[in-house]
Protein backbone atom coordinates (compact mmCIF):
# COMPACT_ATOMS: atom_id res chain seq x y z
CA MET A 1 21.86 -3.62 -3.34
CA LYS A 2 18.59 -2.29 -3.94
CA ARG A 3 17.78 -4.36 -6.55
CA LYS A 4 19.16 -8.03 -5.13
CA ILE A 5 16.90 -7.32 -2.46
CA PHE A 6 13.97 -6.75 -4.34
CA LEU A 7 15.01 -9.74 -6.15
CA THR A 8 14.95 -11.83 -3.43
CA PHE A 9 11.82 -10.39 -1.76
CA LEU A 10 10.16 -11.46 -5.21
CA ILE A 11 11.57 -14.92 -5.66
CA VAL A 12 10.70 -15.90 -2.09
CA LEU A 13 6.71 -14.05 -2.73
CA LEU A 14 6.24 -15.84 -6.19
CA THR A 15 7.40 -19.05 -4.24
CA PHE A 16 5.11 -18.53 -1.41
CA ILE A 17 2.41 -17.78 -3.44
CA ALA A 18 2.61 -20.58 -6.11
CA THR A 19 2.01 -23.14 -2.92
CA ALA A 20 -1.58 -21.29 -1.98
CA ASP A 21 -4.55 -23.05 -2.89
CA LYS A 22 -6.84 -20.44 -4.29
CA PHE A 23 -6.89 -16.89 -5.65
CA TYR A 24 -9.53 -14.58 -6.99
CA ILE A 25 -9.72 -12.12 -9.65
CA PHE A 26 -9.95 -8.56 -9.08
CA VAL A 27 -10.51 -7.35 -12.46
CA ASP A 28 -12.69 -7.98 -15.31
CA SER A 29 -11.69 -10.16 -18.37
CA LEU A 30 -8.82 -11.53 -17.37
CA ASN A 31 -7.33 -13.79 -19.95
CA MET A 32 -6.42 -17.44 -18.77
CA ARG A 33 -3.69 -18.67 -21.38
CA THR A 34 -2.32 -21.89 -22.45
CA CYS A 35 1.54 -20.68 -21.39
CA PRO A 36 3.04 -18.12 -19.40
CA SER A 37 3.00 -15.51 -22.21
CA VAL A 38 0.51 -12.55 -23.25
CA ASN A 39 1.68 -14.46 -27.19
CA CYS A 40 0.03 -17.86 -25.80
CA SER A 41 -3.63 -18.72 -26.66
CA VAL A 42 -6.47 -17.65 -24.59
CA VAL A 43 -8.41 -20.69 -22.82
CA LYS A 44 -10.99 -18.39 -21.49
CA THR A 45 -11.59 -15.22 -19.93
CA LEU A 46 -12.10 -14.81 -16.60
CA HIS A 47 -13.82 -12.18 -14.56
CA PHE A 48 -13.94 -10.04 -11.26
CA LYS A 49 -14.58 -12.33 -8.07
CA ASP A 50 -13.80 -15.63 -10.03
CA VAL A 51 -11.98 -18.10 -8.03
CA VAL A 52 -9.08 -20.47 -9.28
CA ASN A 53 -7.27 -23.39 -7.87
CA SER A 54 -3.19 -23.38 -8.07
CA THR A 55 -1.06 -26.05 -9.50
CA GLY A 56 2.00 -24.96 -7.67
CA LYS A 57 3.81 -23.57 -10.42
CA ALA A 58 4.83 -19.92 -11.12
CA GLU A 59 7.00 -18.24 -13.28
CA TYR A 60 8.82 -14.37 -13.91
CA THR A 61 9.11 -12.69 -17.39
CA PRO A 62 10.17 -9.60 -18.29
CA SER A 63 6.74 -8.59 -18.54
CA PHE A 64 4.46 -10.22 -16.44
CA ASP A 65 4.72 -12.53 -13.33
CA TRP A 66 2.48 -15.70 -14.10
CA ILE A 67 0.82 -18.65 -12.37
CA GLU A 68 -0.13 -21.94 -13.48
CA VAL A 69 -4.05 -22.73 -12.11
CA GLU A 70 -6.44 -25.23 -13.31
CA GLY A 71 -6.83 -24.81 -16.85
CA GLY A 72 -4.46 -22.55 -17.60
CA TRP A 73 -1.64 -19.60 -16.45
CA VAL A 74 -2.97 -16.23 -15.37
CA SER A 75 -1.12 -12.88 -14.50
CA LEU A 76 0.51 -12.72 -11.05
CA GLN A 77 -0.53 -8.82 -11.19
CA TYR A 78 -4.34 -9.42 -11.13
CA ILE A 79 -5.03 -11.43 -8.74
CA ASP A 80 -4.36 -12.39 -4.80
CA TYR A 81 -5.21 -14.98 -2.13
CA LEU A 82 -8.98 -15.04 -1.36
CA PRO A 83 -9.78 -11.93 1.11
CA MET A 84 -9.64 -12.14 4.71
CA LYS A 85 -13.24 -12.43 6.62
CA VAL A 86 -13.41 -9.01 8.92
CA ASN A 87 -15.73 -8.61 11.75
CA GLY A 88 -16.02 -4.88 12.86
CA ASN A 89 -12.72 -2.83 12.86
CA LEU A 90 -9.11 -4.28 12.77
CA PRO A 91 -6.89 -3.28 15.42
CA ILE A 92 -4.97 0.07 14.99
CA ASP A 93 -1.54 -1.50 14.87
CA PHE A 94 -2.56 -4.43 12.22
CA ASP A 95 0.31 -4.92 9.80
CA MET A 96 -1.54 -4.77 6.60
CA ASN A 97 2.21 -5.57 4.49
CA TYR A 98 2.60 -8.99 5.58
CA SER A 99 -0.77 -10.45 5.78
CA ASP A 100 -1.15 -13.20 4.35
CA SER A 101 -4.79 -12.50 2.75
CA PRO A 102 -5.88 -8.73 1.42
CA LEU A 103 -8.88 -7.06 2.94
CA PRO A 104 -12.52 -7.47 1.35
CA PRO A 105 -13.63 -5.27 -1.08
CA GLU A 106 -16.55 -4.20 1.52
CA TYR A 107 -14.17 -3.71 4.21
CA GLU A 108 -14.42 0.08 5.34
CA PRO A 109 -14.00 0.99 9.40
CA ASN A 110 -16.95 2.33 11.03
CA ASP A 111 -15.45 5.09 12.84
CA LEU A 112 -14.04 7.08 9.66
CA VAL A 113 -14.84 10.85 10.47
CA GLU A 114 -13.51 13.72 8.14
CA ILE A 115 -10.30 15.73 8.58
CA PRO A 116 -10.81 19.24 8.82
CA ALA A 117 -10.83 20.83 5.76
CA GLU A 118 -8.21 23.32 6.51
CA TYR A 119 -5.63 20.65 6.91
CA CYS A 120 -6.52 18.95 3.43
CA PHE A 121 -5.65 19.47 -0.18
CA LYS A 122 -9.19 18.71 -0.83
CA PRO A 123 -12.61 18.17 0.91
CA GLU A 124 -13.94 14.89 2.45
CA LEU A 125 -10.76 13.47 3.39
CA LYS A 126 -11.31 11.05 6.33
CA LEU A 127 -9.14 8.80 8.87
CA ARG A 128 -10.33 6.61 11.69
CA LYS A 129 -11.62 8.77 14.73
CA GLU A 130 -8.19 8.03 17.06
CA ALA A 131 -5.95 8.71 13.89
CA GLU A 132 -7.80 11.87 12.92
CA GLU A 133 -7.43 13.26 16.20
CA ALA A 134 -3.79 12.24 16.62
CA LEU A 135 -3.17 13.68 12.86
CA VAL A 136 -4.55 16.80 13.89
CA GLN A 137 -2.46 17.50 17.04
CA MET A 138 0.68 16.02 15.02
CA LEU A 139 -0.27 19.13 12.51
CA ASN A 140 -1.00 21.77 14.69
CA ALA A 141 2.25 21.04 16.55
CA ALA A 142 4.08 21.58 13.15
CA LYS A 143 2.24 24.69 12.52
CA LYS A 144 3.45 26.47 16.10
CA ALA A 145 6.93 25.03 15.10
CA GLY A 146 7.18 27.05 11.97
CA TYR A 147 5.53 24.15 9.21
CA GLU A 148 2.48 23.96 7.38
CA ILE A 149 1.39 20.58 6.36
CA ILE A 150 -1.39 19.41 4.78
CA VAL A 151 -2.77 16.20 3.76
CA VAL A 152 -3.05 14.90 0.02
CA SER A 153 -4.66 11.87 0.63
CA ALA A 154 -6.48 9.58 3.17
CA TYR A 155 -8.86 6.37 3.84
CA ARG A 156 -9.34 5.13 0.05
CA SER A 157 -11.90 2.27 -0.93
CA TRP A 158 -10.99 -1.04 -2.10
CA TYR A 159 -12.47 -0.14 -5.47
CA TYR A 160 -10.70 3.37 -5.68
CA GLN A 161 -7.62 1.30 -4.63
CA ARG A 162 -7.90 -0.96 -7.43
CA ASN A 163 -8.31 2.10 -10.29
CA LEU A 164 -5.29 3.69 -8.95
CA TYR A 165 -3.28 -0.15 -8.99
CA LEU A 166 -4.58 -0.61 -12.72
CA ASP A 167 -3.69 2.93 -13.71
CA ALA A 168 0.07 2.32 -12.36
CA ILE A 169 0.45 -0.73 -14.45
CA ILE A 170 -0.41 1.19 -17.08
CA LYS A 171 1.76 3.92 -16.41
CA TYR A 172 4.93 2.56 -14.90
CA GLY A 173 4.43 -1.42 -16.36
CA PRO A 174 3.58 -4.95 -14.41
CA ASP A 175 6.59 -4.60 -11.82
CA GLN A 176 5.48 -1.25 -10.18
CA THR A 177 6.28 -0.72 -6.79
CA ALA A 178 4.40 2.65 -6.66
CA VAL A 179 0.80 1.55 -5.69
CA ALA A 180 -0.44 -1.79 -3.78
CA LYS A 181 -2.92 -3.71 -4.94
CA PRO A 182 -6.51 -3.48 -3.99
CA GLY A 183 -6.84 -4.82 -0.52
CA ARG A 184 -3.30 -4.54 0.31
CA SER A 185 -3.29 -0.51 1.17
CA GLU A 186 -2.43 1.13 4.45
CA HIS A 187 -5.30 3.58 3.26
CA GLN A 188 -8.02 0.98 3.36
CA LEU A 189 -7.37 1.02 7.00
CA GLY A 190 -8.20 4.52 7.65
CA LEU A 191 -4.94 5.12 9.08
CA ALA A 192 -2.60 6.44 6.45
CA VAL A 193 -2.14 9.94 5.13
CA ASP A 194 -0.10 11.27 2.47
CA LEU A 195 1.23 14.36 3.59
CA ALA A 196 2.55 17.18 1.86
CA ARG A 197 4.00 21.07 1.98
CA LYS A 198 0.91 23.79 2.06
CA ASP A 199 2.58 25.35 -1.20
CA GLY A 200 2.80 22.12 -3.02
CA LYS A 201 6.57 22.08 -3.50
CA CYS A 202 7.32 18.17 -3.85
CA LEU A 203 3.88 16.77 -4.19
CA LEU A 204 4.37 13.46 -3.96
CA LEU A 205 7.63 13.61 -4.87
CA LYS A 206 11.12 11.91 -3.69
CA CYS A 207 12.01 15.80 -3.33
CA PHE A 208 9.86 16.10 -0.11
CA LYS A 209 12.68 14.29 1.67
CA ASN A 210 14.62 17.32 1.22
CA THR A 211 12.45 19.72 2.72
CA PRO A 212 12.53 20.85 6.29
CA GLU A 213 8.58 19.87 6.43
CA TYR A 214 9.92 15.90 5.95
CA ARG A 215 13.01 16.42 8.55
CA TRP A 216 10.37 17.71 11.07
CA LEU A 217 7.84 14.70 10.25
CA VAL A 218 10.63 12.03 10.81
CA ASN A 219 11.94 13.51 13.63
CA ASN A 220 8.48 14.68 15.36
CA SER A 221 5.57 12.14 13.82
CA TYR A 222 6.26 9.06 16.30
CA LYS A 223 4.97 11.13 19.61
CA PHE A 224 1.78 11.28 17.79
CA GLY A 225 1.85 8.00 16.73
CA PHE A 226 2.69 7.99 13.35
CA VAL A 227 5.52 6.35 11.32
CA GLN A 228 7.03 6.24 8.05
CA PRO A 229 6.93 2.82 6.66
CA TYR A 230 8.02 2.73 3.39
CA PHE A 231 11.81 4.28 4.12
CA LYS A 232 14.46 3.88 1.78
CA TYR A 233 15.61 0.27 0.88
CA ASN A 234 12.09 -1.51 2.04
CA ILE A 235 11.74 -4.29 0.09
CA LEU A 236 7.19 -3.67 -0.80
CA TYR A 237 7.17 -0.54 -2.30
CA MET A 238 9.01 2.46 -3.65
CA GLU A 239 10.80 5.04 -1.26
CA GLU A 240 7.34 7.30 -0.28
CA PRO A 241 8.43 10.16 2.16
CA TRP A 242 5.31 11.58 1.88
CA HIS A 243 3.21 8.64 3.30
CA PHE A 244 2.70 7.98 7.18
CA ARG A 245 0.67 5.76 9.31
CA TYR A 246 -0.94 6.05 12.33
CA ILE A 247 -0.30 2.89 14.52
CA GLY A 248 -0.55 4.21 18.03
CA LYS A 249 2.62 6.15 20.04
CA GLU A 250 3.88 3.26 21.92
CA ALA A 251 4.20 1.21 18.42
CA ALA A 252 5.28 4.00 17.06
CA ASN A 253 8.18 4.71 19.53
CA GLU A 254 9.23 1.43 19.07
CA PHE A 255 9.65 1.81 15.08
CA TYR A 256 11.48 4.83 15.67
CA GLU A 257 13.73 3.14 18.40
CA THR A 258 14.41 0.40 15.90
CA TYR A 259 14.12 1.76 12.15
CA ILE A 260 14.58 5.63 11.98
CA LYS A 261 17.70 5.69 14.37
CA SER A 262 19.59 2.49 12.16
CA ARG A 263 18.48 4.17 8.50
CA GLU A 264 20.33 7.36 8.99
CA ASN A 265 23.39 5.88 7.25
CA MET A 266 21.34 4.27 4.62
């Protein structure tokens, strides 16, 4: 069932992407080939921020997904739509997952603040101010309830995310769903955190879902404006029980009523 949903999403995505006009390259030395295969001859090499025009054709293969552009074929894994133009900070409830265009490399919220070190796995982790204040309140409430939860990851720059994405493709393959493309990560919004037990048990692993800390977060995070978007059977990424996103209390309450209660049987 899960694979069927994912493949349906992939087909829709490929069709949608193929009909777009322009794409930009977010890696250096991306080869344009004569046909959709790594075995085909290289027409030329594209570089970071080069722009290509689509012909409207795309092809899915067991290795890479391909899109035809003027002059040849390029791997879909290393290109994206032209970035959106952003003036100032995006709204707290901005939905990165369904945006037509990615965030630009230069986007960084101007109200980032450091999360107090006592709540973090490593120093200098940052969130937008409103999200940081809500996070501290949530983690304090968890501690009072007997659960010590820390932050493993928070704001990430576009360039940091690009490195994570490329590493994920090397580690898991081109069809990996563990790491978002640069410009597509909620972490760049400065509103997402990866959480863990203070003792490090099940750190960034699915077994975190079986811990009492996770269960507390599911039952209480929405009260502080946080949600867990990548739950079981979401069609975007692998299940991430450690990933929580701040969207504000009102939107989080609505999310809880719509998704959390209904997913208990999934």
